[in-house]
């Protein structure tokens, strides 16, 4: 195996991608994490592309990067992420979008052993494997605004098929963004994306996303936009930003069928090492503290604060027996106000001091720090 192939495989592994080579109408795997089911159909897309180009292709449920050298030679990179959570997966795909040009340039250099040419990065979107989405440029400002409203309404309705179709149209945001992109006005592109995220965030809150969560997502996305040196393929950014909100709202709709007290318990388990209170949990779900507390106690026979303390004590038992963390460190990790309070609560729930518990149950393993 040549060093070039080894380095290409390292690149694929670094970005969690499958990598293939098209040569004389045949596709060969260079680095394959998991098989790509639509590979034979992808070949048709590759053969239809212009030569001497870098390409970012958006399919229904994936992105593909293609380096087209000649009519019969190309390099194909297909992201392969383990997460089945589409909300998290679209965050991963947004990373691919933001790094697409750099990945293509690095792959070119490793594949050819030559300096990277100034090939354009072209973005194309496909409704299916073969059906390229063509956007009409003969459209009025009024139609652009209508199209954008359609995107927002389909997002709020959590209508996946309609949203996919709406995202294939030119909107006011995509039109303004394309103007800035053509003129390489990076600040303008970022402002367009930030404004769009704000609108998506407002729509998500109106649809029922907890305000705190919505602003955490918004801050995360805005930070990512601001940290980008360049915004390549702005239409792909607009797509992924929309789908991130869509799939979180879709998951929330499913979660809303779960009783509030179960959702509160799940929230506690997911945030047990953070500072959380009954009031904060009630605010997160938009409930009064009294109502949520009553429902929680009725179901679990403990107050929310008692449950949180119980949960932290159980975790502390594991830390006491499996690590050499000090009592002070354990108290800090689990958000007890101080070690004295932790010791008091531990004895209250276990009828034993934390020190005695460690002596009786320690499995004598090395500190994990």
Protein backbone atom coordinates (compact mmCIF):
# COMPACT_ATOMS: atom_id res chain seq x y z
CA UNK A 1 0.00 0.00 0.00
CA UNK A 2 1.43 3.40 -0.99
CA UNK A 3 1.88 6.22 1.48
CA UNK A 4 -0.67 8.24 -0.51
CA UNK A 5 -3.40 5.64 0.09
CA UNK A 6 -2.46 5.35 3.76
CA UNK A 7 -2.72 9.13 4.16
CA UNK A 8 -6.05 9.20 2.31
CA UNK A 9 -7.37 6.54 4.66
CA UNK A 10 -6.20 8.57 7.64
CA UNK A 11 -8.04 11.58 6.21
CA UNK A 12 -11.20 9.50 5.82
CA UNK A 13 -10.88 8.20 9.37
CA UNK A 14 -10.27 11.69 10.76
CA UNK A 15 -13.49 13.02 9.23
CA UNK A 16 -15.45 9.76 9.69
CA UNK A 17 -15.93 9.16 5.97
CA UNK A 18 -16.12 6.34 3.47
CA UNK A 19 -13.84 7.00 0.50
CA UNK A 20 -14.14 5.62 -3.03
CA UNK A 21 -12.37 6.01 -6.34
CA UNK A 22 -14.16 6.11 -9.69
CA UNK A 23 -11.93 4.83 -12.51
CA UNK A 24 -13.19 3.83 -15.97
CA UNK A 25 -16.80 3.60 -14.73
CA UNK A 26 -15.86 1.27 -11.88
CA UNK A 27 -15.97 2.26 -8.20
CA UNK A 28 -13.35 0.96 -5.78
CA UNK A 29 -13.37 1.36 -1.99
CA UNK A 30 -10.28 3.11 -0.62
CA UNK A 31 -11.53 3.51 2.94
CA UNK A 32 -14.86 2.07 3.99
CA UNK A 33 -16.24 2.39 7.51
CA UNK A 34 -19.72 1.18 6.57
CA UNK A 35 -20.99 0.34 3.09
CA UNK A 36 -22.76 3.10 1.19
CA UNK A 37 -26.00 1.63 -0.13
CA UNK A 38 -26.58 4.06 -3.02
CA UNK A 39 -23.09 3.76 -4.45
CA UNK A 40 -24.15 2.50 -7.89
CA UNK A 41 -26.65 5.34 -8.23
CA UNK A 42 -24.09 7.86 -6.96
CA UNK A 43 -21.95 6.93 -9.92
CA UNK A 44 -24.56 8.49 -12.22
CA UNK A 45 -24.26 11.78 -10.36
CA UNK A 46 -20.47 11.66 -10.50
CA UNK A 47 -20.45 11.03 -14.25
CA UNK A 48 -22.81 13.98 -14.82
CA UNK A 49 -20.52 16.50 -13.08
CA UNK A 50 -18.11 18.85 -14.79
CA UNK A 51 -14.43 17.94 -14.66
CA UNK A 52 -11.87 19.94 -12.70
CA UNK A 53 -14.28 20.72 -9.88
CA UNK A 54 -14.86 20.13 -6.20
CA UNK A 55 -18.48 19.24 -5.47
CA UNK A 56 -20.64 19.21 -2.37
CA UNK A 57 -23.72 17.12 -3.11
CA UNK A 58 -26.74 17.09 -0.78
CA UNK A 59 -28.94 14.02 -0.98
CA UNK A 60 -32.05 13.46 1.11
CA UNK A 61 -30.19 11.92 4.03
CA UNK A 62 -26.51 12.57 3.42
CA UNK A 63 -23.80 14.74 1.92
CA UNK A 64 -21.17 13.61 -0.56
CA UNK A 65 -17.92 15.33 -1.50
CA UNK A 66 -16.69 14.61 -5.02
CA UNK A 67 -13.38 15.56 -6.64
CA UNK A 68 -13.90 15.26 -10.41
CA UNK A 69 -10.54 14.97 -12.21
CA UNK A 70 -11.53 13.71 -15.67
CA UNK A 71 -14.65 12.26 -17.27
CA UNK A 72 -13.78 8.81 -15.94
CA UNK A 73 -11.82 9.56 -12.78
CA UNK A 74 -13.06 10.95 -9.46
CA UNK A 75 -12.65 10.68 -5.72
CA UNK A 76 -15.83 10.27 -3.64
CA UNK A 77 -16.08 10.98 0.09
CA UNK A 78 -19.22 9.96 1.97
CA UNK A 79 -19.66 10.95 5.64
CA UNK A 80 -20.54 7.98 7.85
CA UNK A 81 -21.68 8.93 11.36
CA UNK A 82 -22.78 6.40 13.96
CA UNK A 83 -25.53 8.47 15.57
CA UNK A 84 -29.08 7.49 14.65
CA UNK A 85 -30.32 10.78 16.12
CA UNK A 86 -30.98 12.95 13.07
CA UNK A 87 -30.76 16.13 15.17
CA UNK A 88 -27.18 15.26 16.19
CA UNK A 89 -26.35 13.96 12.73
CA UNK A 90 -27.23 17.27 11.10
CA UNK A 91 -24.83 19.00 13.49
CA UNK A 92 -22.16 16.61 12.16
CA UNK A 93 -23.15 17.33 8.58
CA UNK A 94 -22.89 21.06 9.26
CA UNK A 95 -19.24 20.42 10.16
CA UNK A 96 -18.79 18.70 6.80
CA UNK A 97 -20.37 21.69 5.05
CA UNK A 98 -18.14 24.18 6.84
CA UNK A 99 -14.98 22.15 6.14
CA UNK A 100 -15.90 20.86 2.67
CA UNK A 101 -13.49 23.01 0.66
CA UNK A 102 -10.54 22.28 2.95
CA UNK A 103 -11.32 18.55 2.91
CA UNK A 104 -11.45 18.56 -0.90
CA UNK A 105 -8.17 20.46 -1.19
CA UNK A 106 -6.39 18.16 1.24
CA UNK A 107 -7.77 15.04 -0.47
CA UNK A 108 -6.62 16.40 -3.84
CA UNK A 109 -3.09 16.97 -2.60
CA UNK A 110 -2.87 13.53 -1.01
CA UNK A 111 -4.37 11.79 -4.04
CA UNK A 112 -2.32 13.53 -6.76
CA UNK A 113 0.81 14.62 -4.88
CA UNK A 114 0.41 17.98 -6.61
CA UNK A 115 -0.39 21.50 -5.47
CA UNK A 116 -4.12 22.14 -5.16
CA UNK A 117 -5.63 24.00 -8.14
CA UNK A 118 -8.14 26.83 -7.77
CA UNK A 119 -11.13 24.66 -8.68
CA UNK A 120 -14.54 25.98 -7.68
CA UNK A 121 -16.55 24.33 -4.93
CA UNK A 122 -19.97 23.63 -6.43
CA UNK A 123 -23.05 22.81 -4.36
CA UNK A 124 -25.93 20.81 -5.83
CA UNK A 125 -29.01 19.44 -4.13
CA UNK A 126 -30.90 16.31 -5.20
CA UNK A 127 -34.47 15.37 -4.30
CA UNK A 128 -33.57 11.76 -4.99
CA UNK A 129 -30.39 10.09 -6.10
CA UNK A 130 -30.88 11.15 -9.72
CA UNK A 131 -33.13 14.19 -9.54
CA UNK A 132 -31.16 17.40 -9.29
CA UNK A 133 -33.11 20.31 -7.82
CA UNK A 134 -33.02 23.24 -10.21
CA UNK A 135 -33.98 26.63 -8.79
CA UNK A 136 -35.61 29.10 -11.12
CA UNK A 137 -33.91 32.50 -11.13
CA UNK A 138 -36.93 34.24 -12.68
CA UNK A 139 -38.75 34.95 -9.46
CA UNK A 140 -40.16 38.09 -7.91
CA UNK A 141 -39.37 39.47 -4.45
CA UNK A 142 -42.91 38.70 -3.38
CA UNK A 143 -42.51 35.03 -4.36
CA UNK A 144 -39.23 34.87 -2.42
CA UNK A 145 -40.95 36.11 0.73
CA UNK A 146 -43.82 33.63 0.18
CA UNK A 147 -41.30 30.80 -0.24
CA UNK A 148 -39.58 31.78 2.99
CA UNK A 149 -42.88 31.83 4.87
CA UNK A 150 -43.53 28.37 3.47
CA UNK A 151 -40.24 27.11 4.93
CA UNK A 152 -41.04 28.57 8.36
CA UNK A 153 -44.62 27.25 8.36
CA UNK A 154 -43.52 23.75 7.29
CA UNK A 155 -40.94 23.81 10.07
CA UNK A 156 -43.60 24.77 12.63
CA UNK A 157 -45.94 22.09 11.27
CA UNK A 158 -43.06 19.58 11.47
CA UNK A 159 -43.91 18.51 7.92
CA UNK A 160 -40.76 16.85 6.58
CA UNK A 161 -41.87 16.23 2.99
CA UNK A 162 -43.25 19.75 2.55
CA UNK A 163 -40.16 21.31 4.16
CA UNK A 164 -37.80 19.41 1.87
CA UNK A 165 -39.74 20.73 -1.11
CA UNK A 166 -39.84 24.29 0.27
CA UNK A 167 -36.08 24.30 0.83
CA UNK A 168 -35.65 23.60 -2.88
CA UNK A 169 -37.05 27.05 -3.70
CA UNK A 170 -35.37 30.46 -3.71
CA UNK A 171 -36.21 32.44 -0.61
CA UNK A 172 -35.47 36.04 0.30
CA UNK A 173 -32.69 34.87 2.64
CA UNK A 174 -31.07 32.56 0.08
CA UNK A 175 -31.25 35.27 -2.60
CA UNK A 176 -29.56 37.93 -0.43
CA UNK A 177 -27.06 35.36 0.78
CA UNK A 178 -26.14 34.35 -2.78
CA UNK A 179 -25.46 38.00 -3.63
CA UNK A 180 -23.00 38.29 -0.74
CA UNK A 181 -21.47 34.91 -1.62
CA UNK A 182 -20.84 35.89 -5.26
CA UNK A 183 -19.18 39.11 -4.12
CA UNK A 184 -17.16 37.34 -1.42
CA UNK A 185 -18.65 39.57 1.28
CA UNK A 186 -18.07 37.24 4.23
CA UNK A 187 -19.51 39.58 6.86
CA UNK A 188 -22.70 39.85 4.81
CA UNK A 189 -22.98 36.07 4.53
CA UNK A 190 -22.55 35.65 8.27
CA UNK A 191 -25.15 38.32 9.01
CA UNK A 192 -27.62 36.58 6.70
CA UNK A 193 -27.06 33.23 8.45
CA UNK A 194 -27.30 34.77 11.92
CA UNK A 195 -30.54 36.52 10.99
CA UNK A 196 -31.91 33.23 9.63
CA UNK A 197 -30.97 31.35 12.82
CA UNK A 198 -32.82 34.01 14.85
CA UNK A 199 -35.93 33.46 12.74
CA UNK A 200 -35.70 29.68 13.05
CA UNK A 201 -35.25 30.06 16.80
CA UNK A 202 -38.36 32.22 17.11
CA UNK A 203 -40.37 29.69 15.10
CA UNK A 204 -39.07 26.84 17.28
CA UNK A 205 -40.12 28.62 20.49
CA UNK A 206 -43.57 29.31 19.02
CA UNK A 207 -43.84 25.60 18.21
CA UNK A 208 -43.13 24.60 21.80
CA UNK A 209 -39.37 24.29 22.16
CA UNK A 210 -38.35 25.30 25.70
CA UNK A 211 -36.93 28.83 25.62
CA UNK A 212 -33.73 27.88 27.41
CA UNK A 213 -33.00 25.03 25.01
CA UNK A 214 -33.84 27.16 21.97
CA UNK A 215 -31.34 29.82 22.98
CA UNK A 216 -28.67 27.22 23.76
CA UNK A 217 -29.04 25.91 20.19
CA UNK A 218 -29.10 29.45 18.80
CA UNK A 219 -25.94 30.45 20.69
CA UNK A 220 -24.14 27.30 19.56
CA UNK A 221 -25.00 27.90 15.90
CA UNK A 222 -24.22 31.61 15.99
CA UNK A 223 -20.85 30.91 17.58
CA UNK A 224 -20.06 28.39 14.85
CA UNK A 225 -21.02 30.89 12.14
CA UNK A 226 -18.89 33.65 13.69
CA UNK A 227 -15.85 31.38 14.02
CA UNK A 228 -15.85 30.43 10.34
CA UNK A 229 -13.08 32.09 8.33
CA UNK A 230 -15.19 31.73 5.21
CA UNK A 231 -18.76 30.70 4.45
CA UNK A 232 -18.69 28.30 1.52
CA UNK A 233 -21.83 26.94 -0.11
CA UNK A 234 -24.25 29.19 1.76
CA UNK A 235 -27.33 27.27 0.45
CA UNK A 236 -26.02 24.14 2.19
CA UNK A 237 -25.68 26.10 5.44
CA UNK A 238 -29.29 27.29 5.16
CA UNK A 239 -30.44 23.71 4.62
CA UNK A 240 -28.58 22.26 7.58
CA UNK A 241 -29.54 25.06 9.98
CA UNK A 242 -33.19 24.41 9.12
CA UNK A 243 -32.94 20.63 9.56
CA UNK A 244 -31.19 21.00 12.92
CA UNK A 245 -34.24 22.85 14.28
CA UNK A 246 -36.66 20.56 12.45
CA UNK A 247 -35.34 17.31 13.91
CA UNK A 248 -35.11 18.74 17.42
CA UNK A 249 -38.73 19.87 17.16
CA UNK A 250 -39.72 16.47 15.80
CA UNK A 251 -38.06 14.75 18.75
CA UNK A 252 -39.70 17.19 21.16
CA UNK A 253 -43.13 16.45 19.71
CA UNK A 254 -42.54 12.78 20.42
CA UNK A 255 -41.32 13.59 23.92
CA UNK A 256 -44.42 15.70 24.60
CA UNK A 257 -46.51 12.53 24.55
CA UNK A 258 -44.54 11.40 27.62
CA UNK A 259 -45.99 12.57 30.98
CA UNK A 260 -44.29 15.69 32.31
CA UNK A 261 -43.05 13.96 35.47
CA UNK A 262 -41.20 11.37 33.33
CA UNK A 263 -39.68 14.13 31.22
CA UNK A 264 -38.58 15.87 34.43
CA UNK A 265 -36.95 12.65 35.66
CA UNK A 266 -35.13 12.23 32.34
CA UNK A 267 -33.95 15.85 32.53
CA UNK A 268 -32.55 15.23 36.02
CA UNK A 269 -30.71 12.09 34.91
CA UNK A 270 -29.18 13.89 31.92
CA UNK A 271 -28.09 16.91 33.98
CA UNK A 272 -27.31 15.36 37.36
CA UNK A 273 -23.74 16.74 37.44
CA UNK A 274 -24.98 20.28 36.84
CA UNK A 275 -26.56 22.69 39.29
CA UNK A 276 -30.27 21.97 38.89
CA UNK A 277 -33.24 22.86 41.08
CA UNK A 278 -36.96 22.12 41.05
CA UNK A 279 -37.61 25.73 40.01
CA UNK A 280 -35.19 25.52 37.08
CA UNK A 281 -36.71 22.24 35.86
CA UNK A 282 -40.24 23.69 36.06
CA UNK A 283 -39.14 26.78 34.12
CA UNK A 284 -37.46 24.60 31.49
CA UNK A 285 -40.72 22.78 30.75
CA UNK A 286 -42.93 25.85 31.18
CA UNK A 287 -44.76 24.46 34.25
CA UNK A 288 -45.42 26.01 37.63
CA UNK A 289 -43.04 24.63 40.24
CA UNK A 290 -45.90 23.59 42.50
CA UNK A 291 -47.77 21.68 39.80
CA UNK A 292 -44.69 19.84 38.56
CA UNK A 293 -43.62 19.03 42.14
CA UNK A 294 -47.04 17.57 42.96
CA UNK A 295 -47.10 15.41 39.82
CA UNK A 296 -43.54 14.23 40.41
CA UNK A 297 -44.15 13.28 44.06
CA UNK A 298 -47.41 11.54 43.18
CA UNK A 299 -45.60 9.29 40.71
CA UNK A 300 -42.22 8.71 42.38
CA UNK A 301 -43.13 9.27 46.07
CA UNK A 302 -40.22 11.71 46.42
CA UNK A 303 -39.92 15.44 45.99
CA UNK A 304 -37.80 16.60 43.04
CA UNK A 305 -35.03 17.76 45.40
CA UNK A 306 -35.09 14.45 47.26
CA UNK A 307 -34.82 12.55 43.98
CA UNK A 308 -31.89 14.73 42.84
CA UNK A 309 -30.09 14.15 46.14
CA UNK A 310 -30.76 10.39 46.00
CA UNK A 311 -29.41 10.24 42.47
CA UNK A 312 -26.25 12.11 43.41
CA UNK A 313 -25.68 9.88 46.44
CA UNK A 314 -25.94 6.79 44.20
CA UNK A 315 -23.38 8.23 41.79
CA UNK A 316 -21.13 9.19 44.69
CA UNK A 317 -21.12 5.55 45.85
CA UNK A 318 -19.59 4.59 42.53
CA UNK A 319 -17.00 7.34 42.80
CA UNK A 320 -16.15 6.31 46.35
CA UNK A 321 -15.58 2.66 45.45
CA UNK A 322 -14.06 2.95 41.96
CA UNK A 323 -11.82 6.02 42.24
CA UNK A 324 -9.47 7.66 44.68
CA UNK A 325 -11.24 11.01 44.43
CA UNK A 326 -11.26 12.88 47.71
CA UNK A 327 -14.54 13.52 49.54
CA UNK A 328 -14.13 17.21 48.70
CA UNK A 329 -13.74 16.41 44.98
CA UNK A 330 -16.79 14.12 44.93
CA UNK A 331 -18.89 16.77 46.64
CA UNK A 332 -17.76 19.32 44.06
CA UNK A 333 -18.32 17.01 41.06
CA UNK A 334 -21.88 16.30 42.16
CA UNK A 335 -22.71 19.93 42.92
CA UNK A 336 -23.13 19.63 46.70
CA UNK A 337 -22.64 23.04 48.31
CA UNK A 338 -19.67 21.73 50.31
CA UNK A 339 -18.18 18.48 51.60
CA UNK A 340 -19.84 18.83 55.02
CA UNK A 341 -23.29 18.95 53.43
CA UNK A 342 -22.42 15.97 51.22
CA UNK A 343 -21.24 13.93 54.24
CA UNK A 344 -24.42 14.81 56.14
CA UNK A 345 -26.69 13.84 53.21
CA UNK A 346 -24.75 10.65 52.51
CA UNK A 347 -25.21 9.47 56.09
CA UNK A 348 -28.88 10.48 56.02
CA UNK A 349 -29.57 8.33 52.92
CA UNK A 350 -27.26 5.39 53.71
CA UNK A 351 -26.96 5.32 57.53
CA UNK A 352 -23.20 5.26 57.03
CA UNK A 353 -20.48 7.85 56.60
CA UNK A 354 -18.91 8.19 53.18
CA UNK A 355 -15.54 7.27 54.67
CA UNK A 356 -16.90 4.05 56.18
CA UNK A 357 -18.70 3.19 52.93
CA UNK A 358 -15.44 3.54 51.00
CA UNK A 359 -13.60 1.33 53.49
CA UNK A 360 -16.25 -1.38 53.25
CA UNK A 361 -16.81 -1.34 49.48
CA UNK A 362 -13.67 -0.08 47.78
CA UNK A 363 -12.48 -2.31 44.93
CA UNK A 364 -9.02 -0.76 45.15
CA UNK A 365 -8.56 0.44 41.58
CA UNK A 366 -6.32 3.25 40.45
CA UNK A 367 -7.49 6.81 40.35
CA UNK A 368 -9.18 7.51 37.02
CA UNK A 369 -8.11 11.13 36.82
